[in-house]
Amino acid sequence: MANGDNAAAAGMDVVPGTAKVRLGYDEINKSRDYVANYAKRTGPLIDMYVQASAPAHAAGRMWVHPVS
């Protein structure tokens, strides 16, 4: 499966290979919007947390590695 196939199947935009690299910040912001919309969805909530080390697997949790 090629990169982006899962995103396209989920209805998300994908970045074409012809996109201008200098506009990469826009694609990064778009991906963060997807994460934010997913995190604030109704229904079972996601447990989001920031932690330097990888946690043990837990369903329904989102781990974010801090940037130093």
PDB file of N, CA and C in Angstrom:
ATOM      1  N   MET A   1       0.844  -1.169   0.000  1.00  0.00           N
ATOM      2  CA  MET A   1       0.000   0.000   0.000  1.00  0.00           C
ATOM      3  C   MET A   1       0.897   1.241   0.000  1.00  0.00           C
ATOM      4  N   ALA A   2       0.615   2.172  -0.845  1.00  0.00           N
ATOM      5  CA  ALA A   2       1.424   3.391  -0.964  1.00  0.00           C
ATOM      6  C   ALA A   2       1.119   4.376   0.165  1.00  0.00           C
ATOM      7  N   ASN A   3       2.089   5.236   0.446  1.00  0.00           N
ATOM      8  CA  ASN A   3       1.869   6.290   1.441  1.00  0.00           C
ATOM      9  C   ASN A   3       0.691   7.152   1.014  1.00  0.00           C
ATOM     10  N   GLY A   4      -0.199   7.435   1.947  1.00  0.00           N
ATOM     11  CA  GLY A   4      -1.357   8.274   1.670  1.00  0.00           C
ATOM     12  C   GLY A   4      -2.617   7.504   1.335  1.00  0.00           C
ATOM     13  N   ASP A   5      -2.506   6.204   1.032  1.00  0.00           N
ATOM     14  CA  ASP A   5      -3.692   5.422   0.687  1.00  0.00           C
ATOM     15  C   ASP A   5      -4.686   5.357   1.843  1.00  0.00           C
ATOM     16  N   ASN A   6      -4.192   5.159   3.057  1.00  0.00           N
ATOM     17  CA  ASN A   6      -5.095   5.097   4.215  1.00  0.00           C
ATOM     18  C   ASN A   6      -5.765   6.445   4.460  1.00  0.00           C
ATOM     19  N   ALA A   7      -5.011   7.525   4.301  1.00  0.00           N
ATOM     20  CA  ALA A   7      -5.583   8.868   4.480  1.00  0.00           C
ATOM     21  C   ALA A   7      -6.672   9.125   3.441  1.00  0.00           C
ATOM     22  N   ALA A   8      -6.395   8.770   2.192  1.00  0.00           N
ATOM     23  CA  ALA A   8      -7.391   8.969   1.138  1.00  0.00           C
ATOM     24  C   ALA A   8      -8.634   8.133   1.403  1.00  0.00           C
ATOM     25  N   ALA A   9      -8.447   6.899   1.864  1.00  0.00           N
ATOM     26  CA  ALA A   9      -9.583   6.032   2.157  1.00  0.00           C
ATOM     27  C   ALA A   9     -10.427   6.578   3.312  1.00  0.00           C
ATOM     28  N   ALA A  10      -9.789   7.332   4.222  1.00  0.00           N
ATOM     29  CA  ALA A  10     -10.507   7.929   5.351  1.00  0.00           C
ATOM     30  C   ALA A  10     -11.115   9.279   4.999  1.00  0.00           C
ATOM     31  N   GLY A  11     -10.951   9.703   3.730  1.00  0.00           N
ATOM     32  CA  GLY A  11     -11.535  10.969   3.298  1.00  0.00           C
ATOM     33  C   GLY A  11     -10.646  12.177   3.508  1.00  0.00           C
ATOM     34  N   MET A  12      -9.383  11.960   3.843  1.00  0.00           N
ATOM     35  CA  MET A  12      -8.460  13.071   4.055  1.00  0.00           C
ATOM     36  C   MET A  12      -7.787  13.442   2.742  1.00  0.00           C
ATOM     37  N   ASP A  13      -7.317  14.684   2.671  1.00  0.00           N
ATOM     38  CA  ASP A  13      -6.534  15.113   1.513  1.00  0.00           C
ATOM     39  C   ASP A  13      -5.176  14.444   1.555  1.00  0.00           C
ATOM     40  N   VAL A  14      -4.595  14.215   0.402  1.00  0.00           N
ATOM     41  CA  VAL A  14      -3.227  13.718   0.324  1.00  0.00           C
ATOM     42  C   VAL A  14      -2.394  14.750  -0.437  1.00  0.00           C
ATOM     43  N   VAL A  15      -1.111  14.768  -0.147  1.00  0.00           N
ATOM     44  CA  VAL A  15      -0.209  15.715  -0.786  1.00  0.00           C
ATOM     45  C   VAL A  15       0.334  15.070  -2.051  1.00  0.00           C
ATOM     46  N   PRO A  16       0.081  15.668  -3.214  1.00  0.00           N
ATOM     47  CA  PRO A  16       0.592  15.081  -4.452  1.00  0.00           C
ATOM     48  C   PRO A  16       2.104  15.270  -4.567  1.00  0.00           C
ATOM     49  N   GLY A  17       2.733  14.399  -5.315  1.00  0.00           N
ATOM     50  CA  GLY A  17       4.168  14.494  -5.518  1.00  0.00           C
ATOM     51  C   GLY A  17       4.590  15.751  -6.244  1.00  0.00           C
ATOM     52  N   THR A  18       3.655  16.436  -6.861  1.00  0.00           N
ATOM     53  CA  THR A  18       3.961  17.669  -7.588  1.00  0.00           C
ATOM     54  C   THR A  18       3.791  18.917  -6.728  1.00  0.00           C
ATOM     55  N   ALA A  19       3.435  18.756  -5.455  1.00  0.00           N
ATOM     56  CA  ALA A  19       3.224  19.909  -4.568  1.00  0.00           C
ATOM     57  C   ALA A  19       4.531  20.650  -4.336  1.00  0.00           C
ATOM     58  N   LYS A  20       4.451  21.946  -4.150  1.00  0.00           N
ATOM     59  CA  LYS A  20       5.631  22.760  -3.908  1.00  0.00           C
ATOM     60  C   LYS A  20       6.105  22.559  -2.473  1.00  0.00           C
ATOM     61  N   VAL A  21       7.375  22.240  -2.336  1.00  0.00           N
ATOM     62  CA  VAL A  21       7.949  21.968  -1.015  1.00  0.00           C
ATOM     63  C   VAL A  21       7.862  23.195  -0.115  1.00  0.00           C
ATOM     64  N   ARG A  22       7.983  24.370  -0.684  1.00  0.00           N
ATOM     65  CA  ARG A  22       7.976  25.582   0.141  1.00  0.00           C
ATOM     66  C   ARG A  22       6.634  25.810   0.828  1.00  0.00           C
ATOM     67  N   LEU A  23       5.586  25.121   0.410  1.00  0.00           N
ATOM     68  CA  LEU A  23       4.279  25.252   1.049  1.00  0.00           C
ATOM     69  C   LEU A  23       4.024  24.115   2.036  1.00  0.00           C
ATOM     70  N   GLY A  24       5.070  23.418   2.450  1.00  0.00           N
ATOM     71  CA  GLY A  24       4.937  22.293   3.363  1.00  0.00           C
ATOM     72  C   GLY A  24       4.290  22.657   4.684  1.00  0.00           C
ATOM     73  N   TYR A  25       4.500  23.894   5.144  1.00  0.00           N
ATOM     74  CA  TYR A  25       3.903  24.316   6.407  1.00  0.00           C
ATOM     75  C   TYR A  25       2.389  24.211   6.356  1.00  0.00           C
ATOM     76  N   ASP A  26       1.806  24.456   5.204  1.00  0.00           N
ATOM     77  CA  ASP A  26       0.353  24.391   5.070  1.00  0.00           C
ATOM     78  C   ASP A  26      -0.130  22.950   5.244  1.00  0.00           C
ATOM     79  N   GLU A  27       0.607  21.993   4.684  1.00  0.00           N
ATOM     80  CA  GLU A  27       0.235  20.589   4.828  1.00  0.00           C
ATOM     81  C   GLU A  27       0.414  20.117   6.264  1.00  0.00           C
ATOM     82  N   ILE A  28       1.446  20.600   6.945  1.00  0.00           N
ATOM     83  CA  ILE A  28       1.647  20.260   8.362  1.00  0.00           C
ATOM     84  C   ILE A  28       0.476  20.789   9.180  1.00  0.00           C
ATOM     85  N   ASN A  29       0.073  22.031   8.942  1.00  0.00           N
ATOM     86  CA  ASN A  29      -1.064  22.601   9.669  1.00  0.00           C
ATOM     87  C   ASN A  29      -2.352  21.837   9.385  1.00  0.00           C
ATOM     88  N   LYS A  30      -2.538  21.405   8.136  1.00  0.00           N
ATOM     89  CA  LYS A  30      -3.731  20.646   7.786  1.00  0.00           C
ATOM     90  C   LYS A  30      -3.761  19.316   8.553  1.00  0.00           C
ATOM     91  N   SER A  31      -2.600  18.667   8.663  1.00  0.00           N
ATOM     92  CA  SER A  31      -2.565  17.395   9.387  1.00  0.00           C
ATOM     93  C   SER A  31      -2.853  17.609  10.870  1.00  0.00           C
ATOM     94  N   ARG A  32      -2.395  18.713  11.420  1.00  0.00           N
ATOM     95  CA  ARG A  32      -2.694  19.011  12.827  1.00  0.00           C
ATOM     96  C   ARG A  32      -4.175  19.309  13.020  1.00  0.00           C
ATOM     97  N   ASP A  33      -4.799  19.924  12.032  1.00  0.00           N
ATOM     98  CA  ASP A  33      -6.245  20.143  12.101  1.00  0.00           C
ATOM     99  C   ASP A  33      -6.992  18.814  12.115  1.00  0.00           C
ATOM    100  N   TYR A  34      -6.524  17.853  11.314  1.00  0.00           N
ATOM    101  CA  TYR A  34      -7.144  16.529  11.329  1.00  0.00           C
ATOM    102  C   TYR A  34      -7.044  15.897  12.716  1.00  0.00           C
ATOM    103  N   VAL A  35      -5.867  15.986  13.320  1.00  0.00           N
ATOM    104  CA  VAL A  35      -5.669  15.416  14.661  1.00  0.00           C
ATOM    105  C   VAL A  35      -6.562  16.125  15.675  1.00  0.00           C
ATOM    106  N   ALA A  36      -6.632  17.455  15.607  1.00  0.00           N
ATOM    107  CA  ALA A  36      -7.454  18.211  16.553  1.00  0.00           C
ATOM    108  C   ALA A  36      -8.930  17.875  16.393  1.00  0.00           C
ATOM    109  N   ASN A  37      -9.400  17.765  15.168  1.00  0.00           N
ATOM    110  CA  ASN A  37     -10.802  17.415  14.937  1.00  0.00           C
ATOM    111  C   ASN A  37     -11.100  16.009  15.425  1.00  0.00           C
ATOM    112  N   TYR A  38     -10.160  15.104  15.256  1.00  0.00           N
ATOM    113  CA  TYR A  38     -10.343  13.735  15.738  1.00  0.00           C
ATOM    114  C   TYR A  38     -10.387  13.708  17.262  1.00  0.00           C
ATOM    115  N   ALA A  39      -9.528  14.485  17.889  1.00  0.00           N
ATOM    116  CA  ALA A  39      -9.436  14.500  19.347  1.00  0.00           C
ATOM    117  C   ALA A  39     -10.676  15.102  19.998  1.00  0.00           C
ATOM    118  N   LYS A  40     -11.340  16.053  19.334  1.00  0.00           N
ATOM    119  CA  LYS A  40     -12.506  16.701  19.951  1.00  0.00           C
ATOM    120  C   LYS A  40     -13.833  16.108  19.488  1.00  0.00           C
ATOM    121  N   ARG A  41     -13.774  14.969  18.801  1.00  0.00           N
ATOM    122  CA  ARG A  41     -14.999  14.356  18.297  1.00  0.00           C
ATOM    123  C   ARG A  41     -15.894  13.918  19.456  1.00  0.00           C
ATOM    124  N   THR A  42     -17.179  13.763  19.165  1.00  0.00           N
ATOM    125  CA  THR A  42     -18.108  13.292  20.184  1.00  0.00           C
ATOM    126  C   THR A  42     -18.030  11.777  20.251  1.00  0.00           C
ATOM    127  N   GLY A  43     -18.527  11.238  21.301  1.00  0.00           N
ATOM    128  CA  GLY A  43     -18.442   9.793  21.499  1.00  0.00           C
ATOM    129  C   GLY A  43     -17.304   9.483  22.455  1.00  0.00           C
ATOM    130  N   PRO A  44     -16.779   8.270  22.383  1.00  0.00           N
ATOM    131  CA  PRO A  44     -15.666   7.932  23.282  1.00  0.00           C
ATOM    132  C   PRO A  44     -14.497   8.893  23.048  1.00  0.00           C
ATOM    133  N   LEU A  45     -14.063   9.527  24.099  1.00  0.00           N
ATOM    134  CA  LEU A  45     -12.990  10.505  23.966  1.00  0.00           C
ATOM    135  C   LEU A  45     -11.631   9.834  23.917  1.00  0.00           C
ATOM    136  N   ILE A  46     -10.708  10.516  23.313  1.00  0.00           N
ATOM    137  CA  ILE A  46      -9.324  10.028  23.230  1.00  0.00           C
ATOM    138  C   ILE A  46      -8.552  10.573  24.422  1.00  0.00           C
ATOM    139  N   ASP A  47      -7.747   9.744  24.993  1.00  0.00           N
ATOM    140  CA  ASP A  47      -6.861  10.151  26.066  1.00  0.00           C
ATOM    141  C   ASP A  47      -5.538  10.560  25.427  1.00  0.00           C
ATOM    142  N   MET A  48      -5.291  11.876  25.301  1.00  0.00           N
ATOM    143  CA  MET A  48      -4.055  12.366  24.698  1.00  0.00           C
ATOM    144  C   MET A  48      -3.087  12.776  25.795  1.00  0.00           C
ATOM    145  N   TYR A  49      -1.819  12.418  25.626  1.00  0.00           N
ATOM    146  CA  TYR A  49      -0.817  12.822  26.590  1.00  0.00           C
ATOM    147  C   TYR A  49       0.535  12.939  25.922  1.00  0.00           C
ATOM    148  N   VAL A  50       1.417  13.709  26.556  1.00  0.00           N
ATOM    149  CA  VAL A  50       2.774  13.911  26.059  1.00  0.00           C
ATOM    150  C   VAL A  50       3.722  13.211  27.016  1.00  0.00           C
ATOM    151  N   GLN A  51       4.588  12.409  26.458  1.00  0.00           N
ATOM    152  CA  GLN A  51       5.517  11.640  27.282  1.00  0.00           C
ATOM    153  C   GLN A  51       6.753  11.339  26.440  1.00  0.00           C
ATOM    154  N   ALA A  52       7.933  11.464  27.020  1.00  0.00           N
ATOM    155  CA  ALA A  52       9.177  11.271  26.272  1.00  0.00           C
ATOM    156  C   ALA A  52       9.399   9.818  25.861  1.00  0.00           C
ATOM    157  N   SER A  53       9.019   8.871  26.710  1.00  0.00           N
ATOM    158  CA  SER A  53       9.248   7.457  26.377  1.00  0.00           C
ATOM    159  C   SER A  53       7.962   6.822  25.859  1.00  0.00           C
ATOM    160  N   ALA A  54       8.123   5.844  25.001  1.00  0.00           N
ATOM    161  CA  ALA A  54       6.957   5.167  24.417  1.00  0.00           C
ATOM    162  C   ALA A  54       6.212   4.402  25.505  1.00  0.00           C
ATOM    163  N   PRO A  55       4.907   4.598  25.601  1.00  0.00           N
ATOM    164  CA  PRO A  55       4.121   3.908  26.629  1.00  0.00           C
ATOM    165  C   PRO A  55       3.756   2.492  26.204  1.00  0.00           C
ATOM    166  N   ALA A  56       3.270   1.724  27.152  1.00  0.00           N
ATOM    167  CA  ALA A  56       2.713   0.415  26.825  1.00  0.00           C
ATOM    168  C   ALA A  56       1.462   0.631  26.000  1.00  0.00           C
ATOM    169  N   HIS A  57       1.136  -0.290  25.133  1.00  0.00           N
ATOM    170  CA  HIS A  57      -0.032  -0.157  24.255  1.00  0.00           C
ATOM    171  C   HIS A  57      -1.316  -0.056  25.075  1.00  0.00           C
ATOM    172  N   ALA A  58      -2.127   0.907  24.732  1.00  0.00           N
ATOM    173  CA  ALA A  58      -3.429   1.059  25.383  1.00  0.00           C
ATOM    174  C   ALA A  58      -4.419   1.569  24.337  1.00  0.00           C
ATOM    175  N   ALA A  59      -5.509   0.858  24.168  1.00  0.00           N
ATOM    176  CA  ALA A  59      -6.517   1.242  23.172  1.00  0.00           C
ATOM    177  C   ALA A  59      -7.152   2.574  23.547  1.00  0.00           C
ATOM    178  N   GLY A  60      -7.399   3.424  22.556  1.00  0.00           N
ATOM    179  CA  GLY A  60      -8.072   4.688  22.788  1.00  0.00           C
ATOM    180  C   GLY A  60      -7.181   5.790  23.324  1.00  0.00           C
ATOM    181  N   ARG A  61      -5.872   5.580  23.306  1.00  0.00           N
ATOM    182  CA  ARG A  61      -4.953   6.596  23.809  1.00  0.00           C
ATOM    183  C   ARG A  61      -4.075   7.085  22.668  1.00  0.00           C
ATOM    184  N   MET A  62      -3.733   8.364  22.691  1.00  0.00           N
ATOM    185  CA  MET A  62      -2.848   8.928  21.684  1.00  0.00           C
ATOM    186  C   MET A  62      -1.611   9.466  22.383  1.00  0.00           C
ATOM    187  N   TRP A  63      -0.456   8.973  21.978  1.00  0.00           N
ATOM    188  CA  TRP A  63       0.797   9.409  22.559  1.00  0.00           C
ATOM    189  C   TRP A  63       1.445  10.423  21.657  1.00  0.00           C
ATOM    190  N   VAL A  64       1.893  11.548  22.221  1.00  0.00           N
ATOM    191  CA  VAL A  64       2.583  12.583  21.478  1.00  0.00           C
ATOM    192  C   VAL A  64       3.969  12.745  22.086  1.00  0.00           C
ATOM    193  N   HIS A  65       4.996  12.536  21.259  1.00  0.00           N
ATOM    194  CA  HIS A  65       6.365  12.668  21.731  1.00  0.00           C
ATOM    195  C   HIS A  65       6.728  14.150  21.722  1.00  0.00           C
ATOM    196  N   PRO A  66       7.256  14.680  22.839  1.00  0.00           N
ATOM    197  CA  PRO A  66       7.588  16.103  22.870  1.00  0.00           C
ATOM    198  C   PRO A  66       8.776  16.411  21.958  1.00  0.00           C
ATOM    199  N   VAL A  67       8.753  17.603  21.380  1.00  0.00           N
ATOM    200  CA  VAL A  67       9.848  18.074  20.541  1.00  0.00           C
ATOM    201  C   VAL A  67      10.779  18.906  21.414  1.00  0.00           C
ATOM    202  N   SER A  68      12.054  18.574  21.364  1.00  0.00           N
ATOM    203  CA  SER A  68      12.993  19.327  22.208  1.00  0.00           C
ATOM    204  C   SER A  68      13.786  20.313  21.401  1.00  0.00           C
TER     205      SER A  68
END
